[in-house]
């Protein structure tokens, strides 16, 4: 079922742009949600109009950016009670698309199917708190073996992985090695799942096996922490902050020391051969940073500490 969400996207003044510094397969069943500006914001020459002219012809003709996202990750990607996409990614996508005179069209699908959908051209890009890593860029596993064609990223937010435990931290968790001998819950297909996969090896060497529960979404992982099935859950810092401070969480959870156990940038995810769209989005993001739109989006969701100063292509490690 599709729903349309229209938002105002005023044009930005022309400014100079900084170029980017460096340059899993079927689409899952999911809802189609529309967001963004449906009319051309008529930007001044040298800004949105010029950048629109550099878009791939197919995107200009369609007037739409099809964006894959798993809309179940408050406050980054989620749906309002009436089904509209909301959060950091939908708001920023609206601003990017509107600046280019396009409409953002969100396709809700499981997180692990986002990259295959991008690679198979079923969507133009993904925005779903996807951490930019070298392995994802190159499509390789922990042993360096090629497992898929890889993707490119336009980095737009700095995040990190945090450990969430029950209030009072009854198991005394404070670092990755303290998870050994316990059960940990994570969302399937995420960087946190891969991180814990490596940690299970480290814990086995210590003679203290770690049990990993990989679940469909972060709410399921958090529920296991809440009921004591798992001693901890790992998720991105903005989500961890929400889970430990939002009124609807009832004060049941806390961060372990509030520190990242690993940091990395969120990246707009694109096909390797889609460099034209990649570079336009990077330049458009720079414009939104300079005209203040980007800051307003981050302020709205109380995540300004993760702001970037400019767009970076493939900046993950």
Protein backbone atom coordinates (compact mmCIF):
# COMPACT_ATOMS: atom_id res chain seq x y z
CA UNK A 1 0.00 0.00 0.00
CA UNK A 2 1.40 3.41 -0.89
CA UNK A 3 1.04 6.69 0.93
CA UNK A 4 2.21 10.16 -0.06
CA UNK A 5 3.98 12.54 2.28
CA UNK A 6 4.64 16.02 0.93
CA UNK A 7 6.96 18.50 2.62
CA UNK A 8 8.15 21.98 1.80
CA UNK A 9 11.66 22.13 0.37
CA UNK A 10 12.76 25.72 -0.24
CA UNK A 11 15.56 26.35 -2.72
CA UNK A 12 19.02 27.05 -1.44
CA UNK A 13 21.27 29.90 -2.54
CA UNK A 14 24.13 29.00 -4.90
CA UNK A 15 27.36 28.18 -3.09
CA UNK A 16 30.66 26.64 -4.07
CA UNK A 17 30.88 22.87 -3.58
CA UNK A 18 33.58 20.69 -2.19
CA UNK A 19 34.14 17.56 -4.29
CA UNK A 20 34.08 14.21 -2.49
CA UNK A 21 37.48 13.23 -1.13
CA UNK A 22 37.55 9.53 -2.25
CA UNK A 23 36.09 7.99 -4.65
CA UNK A 24 22.75 -9.02 0.45
CA UNK A 25 19.31 -10.63 -4.14
CA UNK A 26 15.65 -10.44 -4.57
CA UNK A 27 13.69 -7.44 -3.43
CA UNK A 28 11.72 -8.38 -0.32
CA UNK A 29 8.03 -7.77 -0.09
CA UNK A 30 7.46 -4.38 1.44
CA UNK A 31 5.33 -1.31 1.35
CA UNK A 32 5.92 1.59 -1.00
CA UNK A 33 5.86 4.96 0.71
CA UNK A 34 6.16 8.29 -1.02
CA UNK A 35 7.77 11.35 0.50
CA UNK A 36 9.41 14.54 -0.59
CA UNK A 37 8.62 17.49 -2.82
CA UNK A 38 6.53 16.79 -5.85
CA UNK A 39 7.20 20.12 -7.56
CA UNK A 40 10.36 21.71 -8.88
CA UNK A 41 11.76 24.11 -6.25
CA UNK A 42 13.20 26.24 -9.07
CA UNK A 43 16.67 26.74 -7.59
CA UNK A 44 18.95 29.46 -8.85
CA UNK A 45 21.44 28.74 -11.64
CA UNK A 46 24.55 27.07 -10.32
CA UNK A 47 22.79 25.29 -7.49
CA UNK A 48 19.85 22.89 -7.72
CA UNK A 49 19.15 23.53 -11.40
CA UNK A 50 22.75 22.90 -12.40
CA UNK A 51 22.97 19.78 -10.27
CA UNK A 52 19.68 18.46 -11.64
CA UNK A 53 21.18 18.74 -15.11
CA UNK A 54 23.97 16.38 -14.04
CA UNK A 55 21.61 13.64 -12.89
CA UNK A 56 21.34 10.44 -14.92
CA UNK A 57 18.79 10.98 -17.68
CA UNK A 58 16.62 8.14 -16.39
CA UNK A 59 16.31 9.78 -12.96
CA UNK A 60 15.48 13.18 -14.46
CA UNK A 61 12.83 11.62 -16.66
CA UNK A 62 11.24 9.70 -13.80
CA UNK A 63 11.33 12.68 -11.45
CA UNK A 64 11.74 10.24 -8.57
CA UNK A 65 14.48 8.78 -6.39
CA UNK A 66 13.51 5.23 -5.34
CA UNK A 67 15.06 4.72 -1.93
CA UNK A 68 15.21 1.44 -0.03
CA UNK A 69 14.99 1.58 3.76
CA UNK A 70 14.06 -0.69 6.64
CA UNK A 71 11.60 1.61 8.39
CA UNK A 72 11.87 0.14 11.88
CA UNK A 73 14.82 1.92 13.49
CA UNK A 74 13.74 4.95 15.53
CA UNK A 75 14.86 7.74 15.27
CA UNK A 76 16.74 7.11 12.01
CA UNK A 77 14.15 5.28 9.89
CA UNK A 78 10.61 4.44 10.96
CA UNK A 79 6.93 4.91 10.12
CA UNK A 80 4.46 7.20 11.84
CA UNK A 81 1.18 5.68 13.09
CA UNK A 82 -0.45 6.65 9.79
CA UNK A 83 2.27 4.89 7.79
CA UNK A 84 4.42 7.81 6.65
CA UNK A 85 8.23 7.46 6.59
CA UNK A 86 9.91 9.52 9.31
CA UNK A 87 13.31 10.05 10.89
CA UNK A 88 16.75 11.27 9.92
CA UNK A 89 16.93 9.39 6.63
CA UNK A 90 13.47 10.23 5.25
CA UNK A 91 13.85 13.90 6.19
CA UNK A 92 17.30 14.16 4.65
CA UNK A 93 16.15 12.25 1.56
CA UNK A 94 13.25 14.68 1.17
CA UNK A 95 15.68 17.58 1.31
CA UNK A 96 18.12 16.02 -1.18
CA UNK A 97 15.38 15.07 -3.65
CA UNK A 98 13.54 18.38 -3.30
CA UNK A 99 16.70 20.38 -3.93
CA UNK A 100 17.06 18.49 -7.21
CA UNK A 101 13.40 18.91 -8.17
CA UNK A 102 12.67 15.24 -7.53
CA UNK A 103 10.36 13.26 -5.25
CA UNK A 104 11.71 10.78 -2.69
CA UNK A 105 9.89 7.44 -2.88
CA UNK A 106 10.64 5.05 -0.01
CA UNK A 107 10.46 1.28 -0.44
CA UNK A 108 10.27 -0.49 2.93
CA UNK A 109 12.21 -3.78 2.93
CA UNK A 110 14.31 -5.93 5.29
CA UNK A 111 17.72 -4.44 6.03
CA UNK A 112 19.68 -7.41 4.67
CA UNK A 113 17.96 -7.04 1.25
CA UNK A 114 18.89 -3.40 0.74
CA UNK A 115 22.32 -3.91 -0.82
CA UNK A 116 21.17 -6.63 -3.24
CA UNK A 117 18.26 -4.41 -4.27
CA UNK A 118 20.66 -1.54 -5.02
CA UNK A 119 23.03 -3.80 -6.93
CA UNK A 120 20.23 -5.32 -9.02
CA UNK A 121 18.81 -1.86 -9.92
CA UNK A 122 15.50 -2.47 -8.20
CA UNK A 123 16.01 0.79 -6.31
CA UNK A 124 18.21 3.80 -7.02
CA UNK A 125 19.84 3.88 -3.61
CA UNK A 126 19.44 2.90 0.03
CA UNK A 127 19.28 5.14 3.09
CA UNK A 128 18.82 3.05 6.21
CA UNK A 129 21.57 3.73 8.74
CA UNK A 130 23.94 1.69 6.55
CA UNK A 131 27.48 1.95 7.93
CA UNK A 132 30.07 2.63 5.24
CA UNK A 133 32.87 0.06 5.58
CA UNK A 134 35.69 -1.01 3.30
CA UNK A 135 34.26 -4.54 3.18
CA UNK A 136 30.91 -3.25 1.96
CA UNK A 137 32.63 -1.06 -0.60
CA UNK A 138 34.62 -3.99 -1.98
CA UNK A 139 31.99 -6.69 -1.42
CA UNK A 140 34.37 -8.87 0.58
CA UNK A 141 34.07 -10.95 3.74
CA UNK A 142 36.34 -11.03 6.81
CA UNK A 143 38.82 -13.22 4.92
CA UNK A 144 39.00 -10.88 1.92
CA UNK A 145 36.94 -13.16 -0.35
CA UNK A 146 34.70 -11.43 -2.89
CA UNK A 147 31.05 -12.19 -2.08
CA UNK A 148 29.21 -9.48 -4.04
CA UNK A 149 29.95 -6.57 -6.42
CA UNK A 150 30.30 -4.03 -3.61
CA UNK A 151 28.70 -0.59 -3.41
CA UNK A 152 29.67 3.07 -3.18
CA UNK A 153 28.71 5.39 -0.34
CA UNK A 154 28.10 9.09 0.16
CA UNK A 155 28.75 9.57 3.88
CA UNK A 156 26.31 11.89 5.64
CA UNK A 157 26.43 11.20 9.39
CA UNK A 158 28.98 9.94 11.92
CA UNK A 159 27.69 7.21 14.19
CA UNK A 160 29.09 4.44 16.36
CA UNK A 161 28.07 1.18 17.97
CA UNK A 162 26.93 1.30 21.60
CA UNK A 163 26.12 -1.46 24.08
CA UNK A 164 22.67 -1.31 25.67
CA UNK A 165 21.95 -3.23 28.90
CA UNK A 166 19.17 -3.37 31.48
CA UNK A 167 19.14 -0.47 33.92
CA UNK A 168 21.61 -1.18 36.70
CA UNK A 169 23.77 -3.28 34.35
CA UNK A 170 23.32 -6.46 36.43
CA UNK A 171 25.90 -8.44 34.43
CA UNK A 172 28.55 -5.70 34.74
CA UNK A 173 29.04 -5.27 30.99
CA UNK A 174 31.50 -2.52 30.05
CA UNK A 175 33.44 -3.67 26.98
CA UNK A 176 33.30 -6.29 24.24
CA UNK A 177 35.30 -8.91 26.17
CA UNK A 178 32.90 -8.63 29.11
CA UNK A 179 30.23 -10.05 26.79
CA UNK A 180 32.05 -13.39 26.75
CA UNK A 181 30.13 -16.15 28.52
CA UNK A 182 26.82 -14.36 27.89
CA UNK A 183 24.10 -14.05 25.24
CA UNK A 184 23.94 -10.94 23.05
CA UNK A 185 21.07 -9.86 20.79
CA UNK A 186 21.49 -7.89 17.54
CA UNK A 187 19.59 -7.09 14.37
CA UNK A 188 20.32 -9.45 11.48
CA UNK A 189 22.44 -8.17 8.58
CA UNK A 190 23.96 -5.26 10.50
CA UNK A 191 27.51 -4.23 11.24
CA UNK A 192 26.80 -5.18 14.85
CA UNK A 193 26.02 -8.76 13.81
CA UNK A 194 29.34 -8.96 11.97
CA UNK A 195 31.15 -7.43 14.96
CA UNK A 196 29.64 -10.00 17.32
CA UNK A 197 30.48 -12.77 14.88
CA UNK A 198 34.13 -11.83 15.30
CA UNK A 199 33.68 -11.51 19.04
CA UNK A 200 32.38 -15.08 19.30
CA UNK A 201 35.75 -16.24 17.96
CA UNK A 202 37.61 -14.10 20.51
CA UNK A 203 35.43 -15.38 23.35
CA UNK A 204 35.94 -19.02 22.29
CA UNK A 205 39.70 -18.50 22.57
CA UNK A 206 39.15 -17.26 26.12
CA UNK A 207 37.14 -20.39 26.91
CA UNK A 208 34.00 -18.33 27.55
CA UNK A 209 31.61 -18.93 24.60
CA UNK A 210 29.37 -16.06 23.51
CA UNK A 211 25.88 -16.89 22.29
CA UNK A 212 24.67 -14.61 19.49
CA UNK A 213 20.99 -14.10 18.77
CA UNK A 214 20.44 -12.48 15.36
CA UNK A 215 16.89 -11.16 15.09
CA UNK A 216 14.74 -9.54 12.44
CA UNK A 217 14.74 -6.07 13.97
CA UNK A 218 16.19 -4.01 16.79
CA UNK A 219 12.97 -4.02 18.83
CA UNK A 220 13.15 -7.81 19.03
CA UNK A 221 16.77 -7.61 20.17
CA UNK A 222 15.88 -5.00 22.78
CA UNK A 223 13.02 -7.18 24.03
CA UNK A 224 15.49 -9.98 24.73
CA UNK A 225 17.60 -7.59 26.80
CA UNK A 226 14.50 -6.47 28.65
CA UNK A 227 13.34 -9.98 29.54
CA UNK A 228 16.81 -11.22 30.45
CA UNK A 229 17.26 -13.63 27.54
CA UNK A 230 20.27 -11.55 26.48
CA UNK A 231 22.52 -9.46 28.74
CA UNK A 232 23.09 -6.81 26.09
CA UNK A 233 22.15 -5.53 22.67
CA UNK A 234 24.32 -3.59 20.26
CA UNK A 235 23.02 -0.86 17.99
CA UNK A 236 23.89 2.49 16.46
CA UNK A 237 24.42 5.37 18.85
CA UNK A 238 21.33 7.43 17.83
CA UNK A 239 19.11 4.39 18.35
CA UNK A 240 20.86 3.46 21.59
CA UNK A 241 20.28 6.97 22.92
CA UNK A 242 16.60 6.75 22.00
CA UNK A 243 16.25 3.33 23.62
CA UNK A 244 17.74 4.60 26.88
CA UNK A 245 16.02 8.00 27.09
CA UNK A 246 12.62 7.86 25.33
CA UNK A 247 9.61 7.91 27.67
CA UNK A 248 8.08 4.89 25.97
CA UNK A 249 11.11 2.80 26.99
CA UNK A 250 10.21 3.36 30.64
CA UNK A 251 13.76 3.82 31.89
CA UNK A 252 14.41 0.09 31.49
CA UNK A 253 17.73 0.39 29.65
CA UNK A 254 21.07 2.18 29.90
CA UNK A 255 24.27 2.59 27.91
CA UNK A 256 27.48 1.03 29.17
CA UNK A 257 29.60 4.07 29.99
CA UNK A 258 28.10 5.89 26.99
CA UNK A 259 31.11 5.01 24.82
CA UNK A 260 31.29 3.79 21.24
CA UNK A 261 32.82 0.35 20.83
CA UNK A 262 33.25 1.11 17.13
CA UNK A 263 32.53 4.20 15.06
CA UNK A 264 31.74 4.70 11.41
CA UNK A 265 29.77 6.89 8.99
CA UNK A 266 26.26 6.32 7.67
CA UNK A 267 26.39 6.25 3.89
CA UNK A 268 23.88 6.69 1.08
CA UNK A 269 24.31 3.34 -0.70
CA UNK A 270 24.64 3.24 -4.50
CA UNK A 271 25.75 0.87 -7.26
CA UNK A 272 29.42 0.97 -8.17
CA UNK A 273 28.59 2.01 -11.73
CA UNK A 274 26.21 4.78 -10.68
CA UNK A 275 28.92 7.38 -10.21
CA UNK A 276 26.85 10.12 -11.87
CA UNK A 277 24.10 9.93 -9.25
CA UNK A 278 26.65 9.40 -6.48
CA UNK A 279 28.53 12.59 -7.29
CA UNK A 280 25.36 14.69 -7.69
CA UNK A 281 24.14 13.54 -4.28
CA UNK A 282 27.50 14.33 -2.70
CA UNK A 283 27.44 17.86 -4.11
CA UNK A 284 23.80 18.32 -3.12
CA UNK A 285 24.55 17.22 0.43
CA UNK A 286 27.32 19.83 0.58
CA UNK A 287 24.78 22.47 -0.43
CA UNK A 288 22.34 21.36 2.27
CA UNK A 289 25.12 21.51 4.85
CA UNK A 290 26.00 25.04 3.79
CA UNK A 291 22.49 26.42 3.59
CA UNK A 292 21.51 25.12 7.04
CA UNK A 293 18.95 22.50 5.95
CA UNK A 294 21.15 19.62 7.11
CA UNK A 295 21.60 21.11 10.57
CA UNK A 296 17.85 21.60 10.95
CA UNK A 297 17.22 17.92 10.19
CA UNK A 298 19.76 16.74 12.76
CA UNK A 299 18.50 19.21 15.35
CA UNK A 300 14.94 17.96 14.86
CA UNK A 301 16.04 14.43 15.81
CA UNK A 302 18.44 15.51 18.59
CA UNK A 303 21.48 13.96 16.91
CA UNK A 304 23.63 16.98 16.03
CA UNK A 305 26.79 15.43 17.59
CA UNK A 306 26.94 13.14 14.55
CA UNK A 307 27.01 15.97 12.00
CA UNK A 308 29.58 15.91 9.20
CA UNK A 309 31.15 19.08 7.79
CA UNK A 310 31.05 17.93 4.15
CA UNK A 311 30.08 15.01 1.97
CA UNK A 312 32.67 12.24 1.67
CA UNK A 313 32.60 9.41 -0.84
CA UNK A 314 33.66 5.99 0.50
CA UNK A 315 35.16 7.34 3.70
CA UNK A 316 34.53 4.19 5.76
CA UNK A 317 37.30 1.94 6.94
